[in-house]
Protein backbone atom coordinates (compact mmCIF):
# COMPACT_ATOMS: atom_id res chain seq x y z
CA UNK A 1 -2.65 -3.74 18.75
CA UNK A 2 -1.70 -1.27 16.05
CA UNK A 3 -3.27 -1.30 12.61
CA UNK A 4 -1.51 0.33 9.68
CA UNK A 5 -3.36 1.08 6.45
CA UNK A 6 -1.60 2.23 3.27
CA UNK A 7 -3.49 3.18 0.12
CA UNK A 8 -1.34 3.20 -3.00
CA UNK A 9 -2.29 5.32 -6.02
CA UNK A 10 -0.35 4.31 -9.13
CA UNK A 11 0.66 6.55 -12.01
CA UNK A 12 -1.09 6.10 -15.35
CA UNK A 13 2.26 6.93 -16.99
CA UNK A 14 4.89 5.45 -14.68
CA UNK A 15 8.57 6.31 -14.95
CA UNK A 16 9.54 2.65 -15.25
CA UNK A 17 7.80 2.20 -18.62
CA UNK A 18 5.49 -0.61 -17.50
CA UNK A 19 1.72 -0.52 -17.49
CA UNK A 20 -0.23 0.53 -14.43
CA UNK A 21 -1.66 -3.00 -14.17
CA UNK A 22 1.82 -4.57 -14.30
CA UNK A 23 3.04 -2.25 -11.57
CA UNK A 24 0.05 -2.94 -9.34
CA UNK A 25 0.71 -6.67 -9.66
CA UNK A 26 4.42 -6.23 -8.92
CA UNK A 27 3.72 -4.33 -5.70
CA UNK A 28 0.88 -6.66 -4.69
CA UNK A 29 3.23 -9.64 -5.04
CA UNK A 30 5.94 -7.90 -3.02
CA UNK A 31 3.53 -6.89 -0.25
CA UNK A 32 2.35 -10.50 0.06
CA UNK A 33 5.92 -11.41 1.12
CA UNK A 34 6.37 -8.62 3.66
CA UNK A 35 5.23 -10.55 6.79
CA UNK A 36 8.00 -13.07 6.09
CA UNK A 37 10.51 -10.24 5.57
CA UNK A 38 9.41 -8.32 8.67
CA UNK A 39 8.15 -10.86 11.24
CA UNK A 40 6.76 -8.28 13.75
CA UNK A 41 3.96 -7.77 11.20
CA UNK A 42 1.42 -10.15 12.76
CA UNK A 43 -1.23 -10.15 10.06
CA UNK A 44 -1.79 -8.48 6.73
CA UNK A 45 -4.38 -8.08 4.03
CA UNK A 46 -3.57 -6.78 0.56
CA UNK A 47 -6.25 -5.90 -1.95
CA UNK A 48 -6.53 -4.46 -5.44
CA UNK A 49 -9.34 -1.99 -6.13
CA UNK A 50 -12.38 -3.21 -7.99
CA UNK A 51 -12.15 -1.79 -11.53
CA UNK A 52 -14.17 1.29 -12.37
CA UNK A 53 -15.09 4.35 -10.36
CA UNK A 54 -18.13 4.28 -8.12
CA UNK A 55 -21.17 4.79 -10.34
CA UNK A 56 -22.39 7.96 -8.64
CA UNK A 57 -20.44 10.47 -6.62
CA UNK A 58 -21.83 13.60 -5.01
CA UNK A 59 -20.73 16.76 -6.88
CA UNK A 60 -18.40 17.80 -4.05
CA UNK A 61 -16.79 14.37 -3.57
CA UNK A 62 -13.10 13.86 -4.21
CA UNK A 63 -12.92 11.44 -7.15
CA UNK A 64 -9.50 10.03 -6.22
CA UNK A 65 -9.63 6.36 -5.26
CA UNK A 66 -6.57 4.26 -4.55
CA UNK A 67 -5.49 1.26 -6.59
CA UNK A 68 -4.07 -1.04 -3.91
CA UNK A 69 -4.42 -1.28 -0.14
CA UNK A 70 -2.26 -2.86 2.55
CA UNK A 71 -3.70 -3.42 6.02
CA UNK A 72 -1.10 -4.60 8.52
CA UNK A 73 -1.40 -5.42 12.22
CA UNK A 74 1.32 -5.19 14.86
CA UNK A 75 1.32 -6.16 18.53
CA UNK A 76 2.97 -2.93 19.68
CA UNK A 77 3.66 0.60 18.55
CA UNK A 78 7.37 -0.23 18.65
CA UNK A 79 6.80 -3.05 16.14
CA UNK A 80 4.81 -0.72 13.87
CA UNK A 81 7.43 2.02 14.16
CA UNK A 82 10.15 -0.48 13.31
CA UNK A 83 8.68 -1.20 9.89
CA UNK A 84 9.43 2.10 8.05
CA UNK A 85 13.22 1.91 8.56
CA UNK A 86 13.32 -1.87 7.98
CA UNK A 87 14.95 -3.39 4.90
CA UNK A 88 11.56 -4.79 3.84
CA UNK A 89 10.03 -1.31 3.73
CA UNK A 90 13.07 0.42 2.25
CA UNK A 91 13.09 -2.17 -0.56
CA UNK A 92 9.37 -1.52 -1.12
CA UNK A 93 10.00 2.23 -1.37
CA UNK A 94 12.82 1.72 -3.88
CA UNK A 95 10.72 -0.68 -5.96
CA UNK A 96 7.51 1.34 -5.92
CA UNK A 97 8.79 4.92 -6.20
CA UNK A 98 8.86 5.05 -10.03
CA UNK A 99 5.32 3.64 -10.17
CA UNK A 100 3.39 5.77 -7.71
CA UNK A 101 1.58 9.07 -7.67
CA UNK A 102 0.76 8.97 -3.99
CA UNK A 103 0.62 6.81 -0.88
CA UNK A 104 -1.70 7.69 1.98
CA UNK A 105 -1.22 5.93 5.31
CA UNK A 106 -2.61 5.88 8.82
CA UNK A 107 -1.76 4.01 12.02
CA UNK A 108 -4.25 3.57 14.83
CA UNK A 109 -4.74 1.54 17.97
CA UNK A 110 -7.55 -0.99 18.17
């Protein structure tokens, strides 16, 4: 099995003129539909960050925390590799691009 994790960091001043909270909800709602749009995605979890930074960070810690996470599971590497060029993902990129500062992702076998 392949697990894919994407952490989305949204802009505080997005190019689309909406609020950060509105944009997070828009992408969360879209991600919830992705397994229906790309059936090789076997399972998925989507979560919005708990508001507020952690109360105490070490002085050398990076203070950047993401706003939204997607955890997706695939049966094979081929299924996972098929997602980025899929219509479901390309539509997500087009929708989210004006809202985001950064997306960090990782795929691993488990």
